[in-house]
Amino acid sequence: MCLRLSPCAPEFKKEAPEWELVLDIDALAAEEGKSWVWKGTSFVNYGPGHEKRKDRCVVSLSDGGTDACTRREFDVTTKAWITAAEQAFVVPESKAGPSPDAARHVIHTRPNTRFLS
């Protein structure tokens, strides 16, 4: 599974649009020795005045496709996981949250502060 980016129309409507690879879940699984299954991605909401900011997202991954997911913060502009040194948002594997797509309930209210509902 890969997360890819394509330009908007008219490029997207071409028979073979050029896709930019943003995140390769299969490569991540091979690197980490896991069987990651993509369970959802949601862009972080930075709050009022930052509605157009779409640089980071929370990716929900399940090892082997189980109900339990881990959620990690990913920077789509640098195409890299946010590191611990950068105070990454990480929820360890759990069944916490209303559903595997609970990443949709992550908001930023100020730098380095995240709330998950």
N, C-alpha and C. Protein backbone atom coordinates (compact mmCIF):
# COMPACT_ATOMS: atom_id res chain seq x y z
N MET A 1 0.85 -1.16 0.00
CA MET A 1 0.00 0.00 0.00
C MET A 1 0.89 1.23 0.00
N CYS A 2 0.56 2.18 -0.84
CA CYS A 2 1.32 3.42 -0.93
C CYS A 2 0.38 4.61 -0.88
N LEU A 3 0.84 5.68 -0.27
CA LEU A 3 0.13 6.94 -0.30
C LEU A 3 0.81 7.77 -1.37
N ARG A 4 0.02 8.18 -2.37
CA ARG A 4 0.59 8.90 -3.51
C ARG A 4 -0.12 10.22 -3.70
N LEU A 5 0.55 11.12 -4.38
CA LEU A 5 0.03 12.45 -4.66
C LEU A 5 0.06 12.68 -6.16
N SER A 6 -1.03 13.22 -6.68
CA SER A 6 -1.10 13.55 -8.10
C SER A 6 -1.59 14.98 -8.24
N PRO A 7 -1.09 15.70 -9.24
CA PRO A 7 -1.60 17.05 -9.48
C PRO A 7 -3.09 17.00 -9.80
N CYS A 8 -3.76 18.11 -9.59
CA CYS A 8 -5.18 18.20 -9.91
C CYS A 8 -5.39 18.22 -11.41
N ALA A 9 -6.66 18.22 -11.81
CA ALA A 9 -7.01 18.27 -13.23
C ALA A 9 -6.28 19.43 -13.88
N PRO A 10 -5.88 19.35 -15.12
CA PRO A 10 -6.14 18.28 -16.07
C PRO A 10 -5.13 17.12 -15.99
N GLU A 11 -4.02 17.27 -15.24
CA GLU A 11 -3.02 16.20 -15.16
C GLU A 11 -3.64 14.91 -14.64
N PHE A 12 -4.49 15.01 -13.63
CA PHE A 12 -5.07 13.82 -13.02
C PHE A 12 -5.95 13.06 -14.00
N LYS A 13 -6.55 13.76 -14.94
CA LYS A 13 -7.46 13.13 -15.89
C LYS A 13 -6.74 12.45 -17.05
N LYS A 14 -5.41 12.60 -17.13
CA LYS A 14 -4.66 11.94 -18.20
C LYS A 14 -4.72 10.43 -18.02
N GLU A 15 -4.48 9.71 -19.10
CA GLU A 15 -4.51 8.26 -19.06
C GLU A 15 -3.48 7.70 -18.07
N ALA A 16 -2.33 8.34 -18.01
CA ALA A 16 -1.29 7.88 -17.09
C ALA A 16 -0.71 9.09 -16.34
N PRO A 17 -1.44 9.60 -15.32
CA PRO A 17 -0.93 10.76 -14.59
C PRO A 17 0.35 10.41 -13.84
N GLU A 18 1.18 11.41 -13.61
CA GLU A 18 2.42 11.18 -12.88
C GLU A 18 2.12 11.27 -11.39
N TRP A 19 2.38 10.17 -10.68
CA TRP A 19 2.14 10.11 -9.25
C TRP A 19 3.45 10.32 -8.51
N GLU A 20 3.37 11.03 -7.40
CA GLU A 20 4.53 11.24 -6.53
C GLU A 20 4.34 10.36 -5.30
N LEU A 21 5.29 9.49 -5.03
CA LEU A 21 5.22 8.61 -3.87
C LEU A 21 5.46 9.43 -2.60
N VAL A 22 4.53 9.36 -1.66
CA VAL A 22 4.65 10.09 -0.41
C VAL A 22 5.00 9.14 0.73
N LEU A 23 4.31 7.99 0.81
CA LEU A 23 4.53 7.04 1.89
C LEU A 23 4.31 5.63 1.36
N ASP A 24 5.29 4.78 1.55
CA ASP A 24 5.22 3.38 1.10
C ASP A 24 5.10 2.49 2.33
N ILE A 25 3.87 2.03 2.61
CA ILE A 25 3.61 1.20 3.78
C ILE A 25 4.32 -0.15 3.67
N ASP A 26 4.39 -0.71 2.46
CA ASP A 26 5.07 -1.99 2.27
C ASP A 26 6.56 -1.88 2.60
N ALA A 27 7.20 -0.79 2.19
CA ALA A 27 8.62 -0.59 2.50
C ALA A 27 8.81 -0.40 4.00
N LEU A 28 7.89 0.32 4.65
CA LEU A 28 7.95 0.50 6.10
C LEU A 28 7.82 -0.84 6.81
N ALA A 29 6.89 -1.68 6.35
CA ALA A 29 6.69 -3.00 6.95
C ALA A 29 7.96 -3.84 6.82
N ALA A 30 8.58 -3.82 5.66
CA ALA A 30 9.81 -4.59 5.45
C ALA A 30 10.93 -4.07 6.35
N GLU A 31 11.03 -2.76 6.48
CA GLU A 31 12.07 -2.13 7.30
C GLU A 31 11.90 -2.47 8.78
N GLU A 32 10.64 -2.53 9.24
CA GLU A 32 10.37 -2.74 10.65
C GLU A 32 10.06 -4.19 11.00
N GLY A 33 9.99 -5.06 10.01
CA GLY A 33 9.68 -6.46 10.27
C GLY A 33 8.25 -6.66 10.75
N LYS A 34 7.34 -5.85 10.25
CA LYS A 34 5.92 -5.92 10.62
C LYS A 34 5.10 -6.23 9.38
N SER A 35 3.85 -6.52 9.59
CA SER A 35 2.92 -6.73 8.49
C SER A 35 1.89 -5.61 8.52
N TRP A 36 2.36 -4.39 8.32
CA TRP A 36 1.50 -3.21 8.45
C TRP A 36 0.37 -3.20 7.44
N VAL A 37 -0.82 -2.89 7.95
CA VAL A 37 -2.01 -2.69 7.13
C VAL A 37 -2.48 -1.27 7.41
N TRP A 38 -2.67 -0.49 6.35
CA TRP A 38 -3.13 0.89 6.47
C TRP A 38 -4.57 0.89 6.95
N LYS A 39 -4.85 1.67 8.01
CA LYS A 39 -6.20 1.75 8.57
C LYS A 39 -6.80 3.14 8.48
N GLY A 40 -6.04 4.08 7.95
CA GLY A 40 -6.59 5.42 7.78
C GLY A 40 -5.55 6.50 7.98
N THR A 41 -5.81 7.63 7.39
CA THR A 41 -4.93 8.79 7.50
C THR A 41 -5.80 10.03 7.64
N SER A 42 -5.40 10.92 8.51
CA SER A 42 -6.14 12.16 8.70
C SER A 42 -5.16 13.31 8.91
N PHE A 43 -5.39 14.40 8.22
CA PHE A 43 -4.52 15.56 8.40
C PHE A 43 -4.81 16.20 9.75
N VAL A 44 -3.75 16.71 10.36
CA VAL A 44 -3.85 17.33 11.67
C VAL A 44 -4.54 18.68 11.54
N ASN A 45 -5.45 18.96 12.46
CA ASN A 45 -6.17 20.22 12.50
C ASN A 45 -5.42 21.15 13.45
N TYR A 46 -4.83 22.20 12.92
CA TYR A 46 -4.04 23.12 13.73
C TYR A 46 -4.88 24.20 14.38
N GLY A 47 -6.17 24.23 14.10
CA GLY A 47 -7.07 25.19 14.73
C GLY A 47 -7.30 26.42 13.88
N PRO A 48 -8.10 27.36 14.42
CA PRO A 48 -8.47 28.58 13.68
C PRO A 48 -7.27 29.34 13.17
N GLY A 49 -7.39 29.79 11.94
CA GLY A 49 -6.32 30.54 11.30
C GLY A 49 -5.31 29.69 10.57
N HIS A 50 -5.42 28.37 10.70
CA HIS A 50 -4.49 27.45 10.06
C HIS A 50 -5.22 26.41 9.21
N GLU A 51 -6.41 26.75 8.73
CA GLU A 51 -7.23 25.79 7.99
C GLU A 51 -6.54 25.24 6.75
N LYS A 52 -5.69 26.01 6.11
CA LYS A 52 -5.03 25.56 4.88
C LYS A 52 -3.73 24.81 5.13
N ARG A 53 -3.31 24.73 6.38
CA ARG A 53 -2.06 24.02 6.70
C ARG A 53 -2.32 22.52 6.64
N LYS A 54 -1.68 21.85 5.72
CA LYS A 54 -1.87 20.41 5.51
C LYS A 54 -0.53 19.71 5.37
N ASP A 55 0.38 19.95 6.32
CA ASP A 55 1.71 19.37 6.20
C ASP A 55 1.89 18.09 7.01
N ARG A 56 1.08 17.89 8.03
CA ARG A 56 1.24 16.69 8.85
C ARG A 56 -0.07 15.92 8.96
N CYS A 57 0.09 14.61 9.04
CA CYS A 57 -1.09 13.77 9.21
C CYS A 57 -0.79 12.69 10.23
N VAL A 58 -1.84 12.08 10.72
CA VAL A 58 -1.71 10.95 11.64
C VAL A 58 -2.12 9.72 10.85
N VAL A 59 -1.22 8.74 10.81
CA VAL A 59 -1.44 7.51 10.05
C VAL A 59 -1.76 6.40 11.05
N SER A 60 -2.87 5.70 10.81
CA SER A 60 -3.24 4.55 11.64
C SER A 60 -2.80 3.28 10.93
N LEU A 61 -2.01 2.46 11.64
CA LEU A 61 -1.48 1.21 11.09
C LEU A 61 -1.83 0.07 12.02
N SER A 62 -2.15 -1.07 11.43
CA SER A 62 -2.45 -2.28 12.18
C SER A 62 -1.46 -3.36 11.77
N ASP A 63 -0.85 -4.01 12.75
CA ASP A 63 0.08 -5.10 12.45
C ASP A 63 -0.72 -6.36 12.15
N GLY A 64 -0.73 -6.76 10.90
CA GLY A 64 -1.45 -7.95 10.47
C GLY A 64 -2.93 -7.74 10.21
N GLY A 65 -3.40 -6.50 10.28
CA GLY A 65 -4.80 -6.22 9.99
C GLY A 65 -5.73 -6.43 11.17
N THR A 66 -5.20 -6.50 12.38
CA THR A 66 -6.05 -6.68 13.56
C THR A 66 -6.81 -5.39 13.86
N ASP A 67 -7.69 -5.45 14.85
CA ASP A 67 -8.45 -4.27 15.25
C ASP A 67 -7.58 -3.23 15.95
N ALA A 68 -6.51 -3.69 16.60
CA ALA A 68 -5.62 -2.77 17.32
C ALA A 68 -4.76 -2.00 16.32
N CYS A 69 -4.62 -0.71 16.58
CA CYS A 69 -3.83 0.16 15.69
C CYS A 69 -2.82 0.95 16.49
N THR A 70 -1.74 1.32 15.82
CA THR A 70 -0.81 2.31 16.32
C THR A 70 -1.01 3.54 15.44
N ARG A 71 -0.86 4.70 16.03
CA ARG A 71 -1.05 5.94 15.27
C ARG A 71 0.23 6.75 15.37
N ARG A 72 0.71 7.22 14.21
CA ARG A 72 1.98 7.95 14.14
C ARG A 72 1.81 9.20 13.30
N GLU A 73 2.60 10.21 13.67
CA GLU A 73 2.56 11.49 12.94
C GLU A 73 3.56 11.45 11.78
N PHE A 74 3.10 11.90 10.63
CA PHE A 74 3.88 11.85 9.40
C PHE A 74 3.86 13.22 8.73
N ASP A 75 5.01 13.67 8.24
CA ASP A 75 5.12 14.94 7.52
C ASP A 75 5.06 14.67 6.03
N VAL A 76 4.00 15.11 5.38
CA VAL A 76 3.84 14.81 3.95
C VAL A 76 4.72 15.68 3.07
N THR A 77 5.22 16.80 3.60
CA THR A 77 6.09 17.65 2.78
C THR A 77 7.51 17.10 2.73
N THR A 78 7.99 16.56 3.85
CA THR A 78 9.34 15.99 3.87
C THR A 78 9.32 14.49 3.58
N LYS A 79 8.11 13.90 3.57
CA LYS A 79 7.91 12.47 3.33
C LYS A 79 8.64 11.64 4.37
N ALA A 80 8.50 12.06 5.62
CA ALA A 80 9.21 11.38 6.71
C ALA A 80 8.34 11.33 7.97
N TRP A 81 8.58 10.31 8.77
CA TRP A 81 7.93 10.21 10.07
C TRP A 81 8.50 11.28 10.97
N ILE A 82 7.68 11.86 11.82
CA ILE A 82 8.16 12.81 12.81
C ILE A 82 8.92 12.01 13.87
N THR A 83 10.07 12.49 14.23
CA THR A 83 10.94 11.74 15.16
C THR A 83 10.63 12.09 16.62
N ALA A 84 11.13 11.26 17.51
CA ALA A 84 10.97 11.51 18.94
C ALA A 84 11.60 12.85 19.32
N ALA A 85 12.72 13.18 18.68
CA ALA A 85 13.39 14.46 18.95
C ALA A 85 12.51 15.65 18.57
N GLU A 86 11.62 15.44 17.61
CA GLU A 86 10.69 16.49 17.18
C GLU A 86 9.38 16.42 17.96
N GLN A 87 9.33 15.60 18.99
CA GLN A 87 8.15 15.39 19.82
C GLN A 87 6.99 14.84 19.00
N ALA A 88 7.25 13.73 18.35
CA ALA A 88 6.24 13.09 17.50
C ALA A 88 5.02 12.67 18.30
N PHE A 89 3.88 12.74 17.63
CA PHE A 89 2.64 12.22 18.20
C PHE A 89 2.58 10.74 17.86
N VAL A 90 2.56 9.89 18.89
CA VAL A 90 2.49 8.45 18.69
C VAL A 90 1.53 7.87 19.72
N VAL A 91 0.58 7.06 19.26
CA VAL A 91 -0.27 6.29 20.16
C VAL A 91 0.13 4.84 19.96
N PRO A 92 0.67 4.19 21.00
CA PRO A 92 1.08 2.79 20.86
C PRO A 92 -0.11 1.91 20.48
N GLU A 93 0.20 0.72 20.00
CA GLU A 93 -0.85 -0.20 19.54
C GLU A 93 -1.89 -0.41 20.63
N SER A 94 -3.14 -0.18 20.28
CA SER A 94 -4.24 -0.37 21.21
C SER A 94 -5.54 -0.39 20.42
N LYS A 95 -6.59 -0.75 21.11
CA LYS A 95 -7.92 -0.69 20.52
C LYS A 95 -8.63 0.57 21.00
N ALA A 96 -7.86 1.50 21.55
CA ALA A 96 -8.42 2.75 22.06
C ALA A 96 -9.04 3.56 20.93
N GLY A 97 -10.03 4.32 21.27
CA GLY A 97 -10.70 5.15 20.28
C GLY A 97 -11.94 4.47 19.75
N PRO A 98 -12.83 5.23 19.16
CA PRO A 98 -14.09 4.69 18.70
C PRO A 98 -13.97 3.75 17.51
N SER A 99 -12.87 3.85 16.76
CA SER A 99 -12.71 3.02 15.58
C SER A 99 -11.28 3.14 15.09
N PRO A 100 -10.85 2.27 14.15
CA PRO A 100 -9.49 2.39 13.62
C PRO A 100 -9.20 3.74 13.00
N ASP A 101 -10.24 4.48 12.60
CA ASP A 101 -10.00 5.79 11.98
C ASP A 101 -10.10 6.91 13.02
N ALA A 102 -9.82 6.58 14.27
CA ALA A 102 -9.87 7.59 15.34
C ALA A 102 -8.87 8.71 15.10
N ALA A 103 -7.94 8.52 14.18
CA ALA A 103 -6.99 9.59 13.86
C ALA A 103 -7.72 10.85 13.42
N ARG A 104 -8.94 10.73 12.96
CA ARG A 104 -9.70 11.90 12.53
C ARG A 104 -10.01 12.82 13.69
N HIS A 105 -9.82 12.36 14.91
CA HIS A 105 -10.17 13.15 16.08
C HIS A 105 -8.96 13.79 16.73
N VAL A 106 -7.86 13.89 16.01
CA VAL A 106 -6.65 14.52 16.52
C VAL A 106 -6.66 15.98 16.13
N ILE A 107 -6.40 16.85 17.10
CA ILE A 107 -6.32 18.27 16.80
C ILE A 107 -5.07 18.85 17.44
N HIS A 108 -4.56 19.91 16.86
CA HIS A 108 -3.48 20.70 17.46
C HIS A 108 -4.14 21.97 17.97
N THR A 109 -3.76 22.38 19.14
CA THR A 109 -4.25 23.66 19.62
C THR A 109 -3.13 24.68 19.75
N ARG A 110 -1.90 24.19 19.90
CA ARG A 110 -0.73 25.04 19.95
C ARG A 110 0.49 24.15 19.67
N PRO A 111 1.63 24.72 19.35
CA PRO A 111 2.79 23.89 19.01
C PRO A 111 3.10 22.85 20.08
N ASN A 112 3.39 21.64 19.65
CA ASN A 112 3.78 20.52 20.50
C ASN A 112 2.72 20.08 21.50
N THR A 113 1.47 20.43 21.27
CA THR A 113 0.37 19.98 22.12
C THR A 113 -0.68 19.35 21.21
N ARG A 114 -1.02 18.09 21.48
CA ARG A 114 -2.00 17.41 20.69
C ARG A 114 -3.06 16.82 21.59
N PHE A 115 -4.28 16.83 21.14
CA PHE A 115 -5.36 16.21 21.87
C PHE A 115 -5.99 15.14 21.01
N LEU A 116 -6.30 14.02 21.60
CA LEU A 116 -6.95 12.92 20.90
C LEU A 116 -8.24 12.63 21.63
N SER A 117 -9.34 12.71 20.91
CA SER A 117 -10.63 12.42 21.54
C SER A 117 -11.22 11.15 20.97
